[in-house]
C-alpha atoms as a PDB file:
ATOM      1  CA  UNK A   1     -55.282  36.516-119.502  1.00  0.00           C
ATOM      2  CA  UNK A   2     -53.190  39.652-118.491  1.00  0.00           C
ATOM      3  CA  UNK A   3     -51.957  42.398-121.631  1.00  0.00           C
ATOM      4  CA  UNK A   4     -49.279  44.666-120.836  1.00  0.00           C
ATOM      5  CA  UNK A   5     -49.391  48.225-123.129  1.00  0.00           C
ATOM      6  CA  UNK A   6     -45.467  48.163-124.461  1.00  0.00           C
ATOM      7  CA  UNK A   7     -45.125  51.100-127.233  1.00  0.00           C
ATOM      8  CA  UNK A   8     -43.508  49.951-130.426  1.00  0.00           C
ATOM      9  CA  UNK A   9     -41.946  52.645-132.993  1.00  0.00           C
ATOM     10  CA  UNK A  10     -42.568  50.671-136.840  1.00  0.00           C
ATOM     11  CA  UNK A  11     -40.668  51.543-139.991  1.00  0.00           C
ATOM     12  CA  UNK A  12     -44.237  53.128-142.873  1.00  0.00           C
ATOM     13  CA  UNK A  13     -43.259  49.983-144.331  1.00  0.00           C
ATOM     14  CA  UNK A  14     -43.269  47.499-141.638  1.00  0.00           C
ATOM     15  CA  UNK A  15     -46.474  49.013-140.256  1.00  0.00           C
ATOM     16  CA  UNK A  16     -47.651  49.249-144.008  1.00  0.00           C
ATOM     17  CA  UNK A  17     -47.527  45.433-144.002  1.00  0.00           C
ATOM     18  CA  UNK A  18     -48.736  44.385-141.053  1.00  0.00           C
ATOM     19  CA  UNK A  19     -51.392  46.660-141.627  1.00  0.00           C
ATOM     20  CA  UNK A  20     -52.051  44.538-144.898  1.00  0.00           C
ATOM     21  CA  UNK A  21     -51.954  41.122-142.754  1.00  0.00           C
ATOM     22  CA  UNK A  22     -54.232  42.385-140.046  1.00  0.00           C
ATOM     23  CA  UNK A  23     -56.778  43.512-142.867  1.00  0.00           C
ATOM     24  CA  UNK A  24     -56.056  39.841-144.373  1.00  0.00           C
ATOM     25  CA  UNK A  25     -57.182  38.189-141.607  1.00  0.00           C
ATOM     26  CA  UNK A  26     -59.088  40.280-140.205  1.00  0.00           C
ATOM     27  CA  UNK A  27     -57.679  40.594-137.067  1.00  0.00           C
ATOM     28  CA  UNK A  28     -55.960  43.649-134.904  1.00  0.00           C
ATOM     29  CA  UNK A  29     -52.895  45.465-135.356  1.00  0.00           C
ATOM     30  CA  UNK A  30     -52.308  44.135-131.835  1.00  0.00           C
ATOM     31  CA  UNK A  31     -53.220  40.691-132.754  1.00  0.00           C
ATOM     32  CA  UNK A  32     -51.033  40.129-135.004  1.00  0.00           C
ATOM     33  CA  UNK A  33     -47.793  41.865-133.772  1.00  0.00           C
ATOM     34  CA  UNK A  34     -48.305  39.123-130.857  1.00  0.00           C
ATOM     35  CA  UNK A  35     -49.290  36.408-133.407  1.00  0.00           C
ATOM     36  CA  UNK A  36     -45.836  37.361-134.659  1.00  0.00           C
ATOM     37  CA  UNK A  37     -44.029  38.086-131.167  1.00  0.00           C
ATOM     38  CA  UNK A  38     -45.401  34.563-129.651  1.00  0.00           C
ATOM     39  CA  UNK A  39     -44.094  32.728-132.617  1.00  0.00           C
ATOM     40  CA  UNK A  40     -40.351  34.221-132.757  1.00  0.00           C
ATOM     41  CA  UNK A  41     -40.463  33.171-129.235  1.00  0.00           C
ATOM     42  CA  UNK A  42     -41.264  29.718-129.438  1.00  0.00           C
ATOM     43  CA  UNK A  43     -38.885  29.695-132.623  1.00  0.00           C
ATOM     44  CA  UNK A  44     -35.681  30.587-129.978  1.00  0.00           C
ATOM     45  CA  UNK A  45     -36.869  28.535-127.814  1.00  0.00           C
ATOM     46  CA  UNK A  46     -36.500  25.731-130.852  1.00  0.00           C
ATOM     47  CA  UNK A  47     -33.679  27.299-131.401  1.00  0.00           C
ATOM     48  CA  UNK A  48     -32.252  26.829-128.144  1.00  0.00           C
ATOM     49  CA  UNK A  49     -33.613  23.295-127.664  1.00  0.00           C
ATOM     50  CA  UNK A  50     -31.770  22.299-131.323  1.00  0.00           C
ATOM     51  CA  UNK A  51     -28.030  24.032-129.760  1.00  0.00           C
ATOM     52  CA  UNK A  52     -28.097  22.195-126.832  1.00  0.00           C
ATOM     53  CA  UNK A  53     -28.928  18.310-127.986  1.00  0.00           C
ATOM     54  CA  UNK A  54     -25.723  19.385-130.669  1.00  0.00           C
ATOM     55  CA  UNK A  55     -23.491  20.336-127.978  1.00  0.00           C
ATOM     56  CA  UNK A  56     -24.674  17.109-125.933  1.00  0.00           C
ATOM     57  CA  UNK A  57     -23.263  14.793-128.920  1.00  0.00           C
ATOM     58  CA  UNK A  58     -20.652  16.683-129.573  1.00  0.00           C
ATOM     59  CA  UNK A  59     -19.835  16.201-125.838  1.00  0.00           C
ATOM     60  CA  UNK A  60     -20.913  12.178-126.242  1.00  0.00           C
ATOM     61  CA  UNK A  61     -18.527  12.286-129.154  1.00  0.00           C
ATOM     62  CA  UNK A  62     -16.177  14.103-127.543  1.00  0.00           C
ATOM     63  CA  UNK A  63     -15.876  11.450-124.722  1.00  0.00           C
ATOM     64  CA  UNK A  64     -16.102   8.249-127.178  1.00  0.00           C
ATOM     65  CA  UNK A  65     -12.907   9.787-128.704  1.00  0.00           C
ATOM     66  CA  UNK A  66     -11.224   9.937-124.787  1.00  0.00           C
ATOM     67  CA  UNK A  67     -12.202   6.438-124.529  1.00  0.00           C
ATOM     68  CA  UNK A  68     -10.941   4.638-127.673  1.00  0.00           C
ATOM     69  CA  UNK A  69      -7.412   6.540-126.886  1.00  0.00           C
ATOM     70  CA  UNK A  70      -7.146   4.983-123.232  1.00  0.00           C
ATOM     71  CA  UNK A  71      -8.566   1.538-124.174  1.00  0.00           C
ATOM     72  CA  UNK A  72      -8.649   1.127-128.617  1.00  0.00           C
ATOM     73  CA  UNK A  73     -11.087   1.360-130.685  1.00  0.00           C
ATOM     74  CA  UNK A  74     -14.317  -0.127-129.356  1.00  0.00           C
ATOM     75  CA  UNK A  75     -15.701  -1.777-132.373  1.00  0.00           C
ATOM     76  CA  UNK A  76     -19.163  -0.291-133.333  1.00  0.00           C
ATOM     77  CA  UNK A  77     -21.500  -3.515-133.974  1.00  0.00           C
ATOM     78  CA  UNK A  78     -20.100  -5.699-130.932  1.00  0.00           C
ATOM     79  CA  UNK A  79     -23.966  -6.837-130.760  1.00  0.00           C
ATOM     80  CA  UNK A  80     -24.011  -7.891-134.200  1.00  0.00           C
ATOM     81  CA  UNK A  81     -20.608  -9.764-133.209  1.00  0.00           C
ATOM     82  CA  UNK A  82     -22.328 -10.863-130.063  1.00  0.00           C
ATOM     83  CA  UNK A  83     -25.603 -12.560-131.971  1.00  0.00           C
ATOM     84  CA  UNK A  84     -23.244 -13.757-135.291  1.00  0.00           C
ATOM     85  CA  UNK A  85     -21.106 -15.767-132.548  1.00  0.00           C
ATOM     86  CA  UNK A  86     -23.888 -16.933-130.745  1.00  0.00           C
ATOM     87  CA  UNK A  87     -25.713 -18.296-133.774  1.00  0.00           C
ATOM     88  CA  UNK A  88     -22.865 -19.879-135.126  1.00  0.00           C
ATOM     89  CA  UNK A  89     -22.573 -21.408-131.691  1.00  0.00           C
ATOM     90  CA  UNK A  90     -26.406 -22.639-131.733  1.00  0.00           C
ATOM     91  CA  UNK A  91     -25.732 -24.014-135.163  1.00  0.00           C
ATOM     92  CA  UNK A  92     -22.737 -26.325-134.257  1.00  0.00           C
ATOM     93  CA  UNK A  93     -24.693 -27.587-131.909  1.00  0.00           C
ATOM     94  CA  UNK A  94     -27.388 -28.049-133.345  1.00  0.00           C
ATOM     95  CA  UNK A  95     -30.031 -25.653-131.657  1.00  0.00           C
ATOM     96  CA  UNK A  96     -30.632 -23.751-134.166  1.00  0.00           C
ATOM     97  CA  UNK A  97     -34.164 -22.901-135.206  1.00  0.00           C
ATOM     98  CA  UNK A  98     -34.997 -22.079-138.759  1.00  0.00           C
END
């Protein structure tokens, strides 16, 4: 893997904390910093994906409101109602399985 040299300036407390982590993990300070950066980038990508998913759900909710305004309230349980009606119909005809 290609690596690029970067110079960063840390506050004394940051450097001390990172050095302690590196010592505990028996890793170099650079390795610890790379892991922290990688974890941050993964978290940021997940946050962006979650934000996009929330926007999609909100857009669907808005579409549903628009449809309800144009066509009236649509029952959320249409499939359950259809099944119930079908069960009653079959029961009346004696075709309902026990």
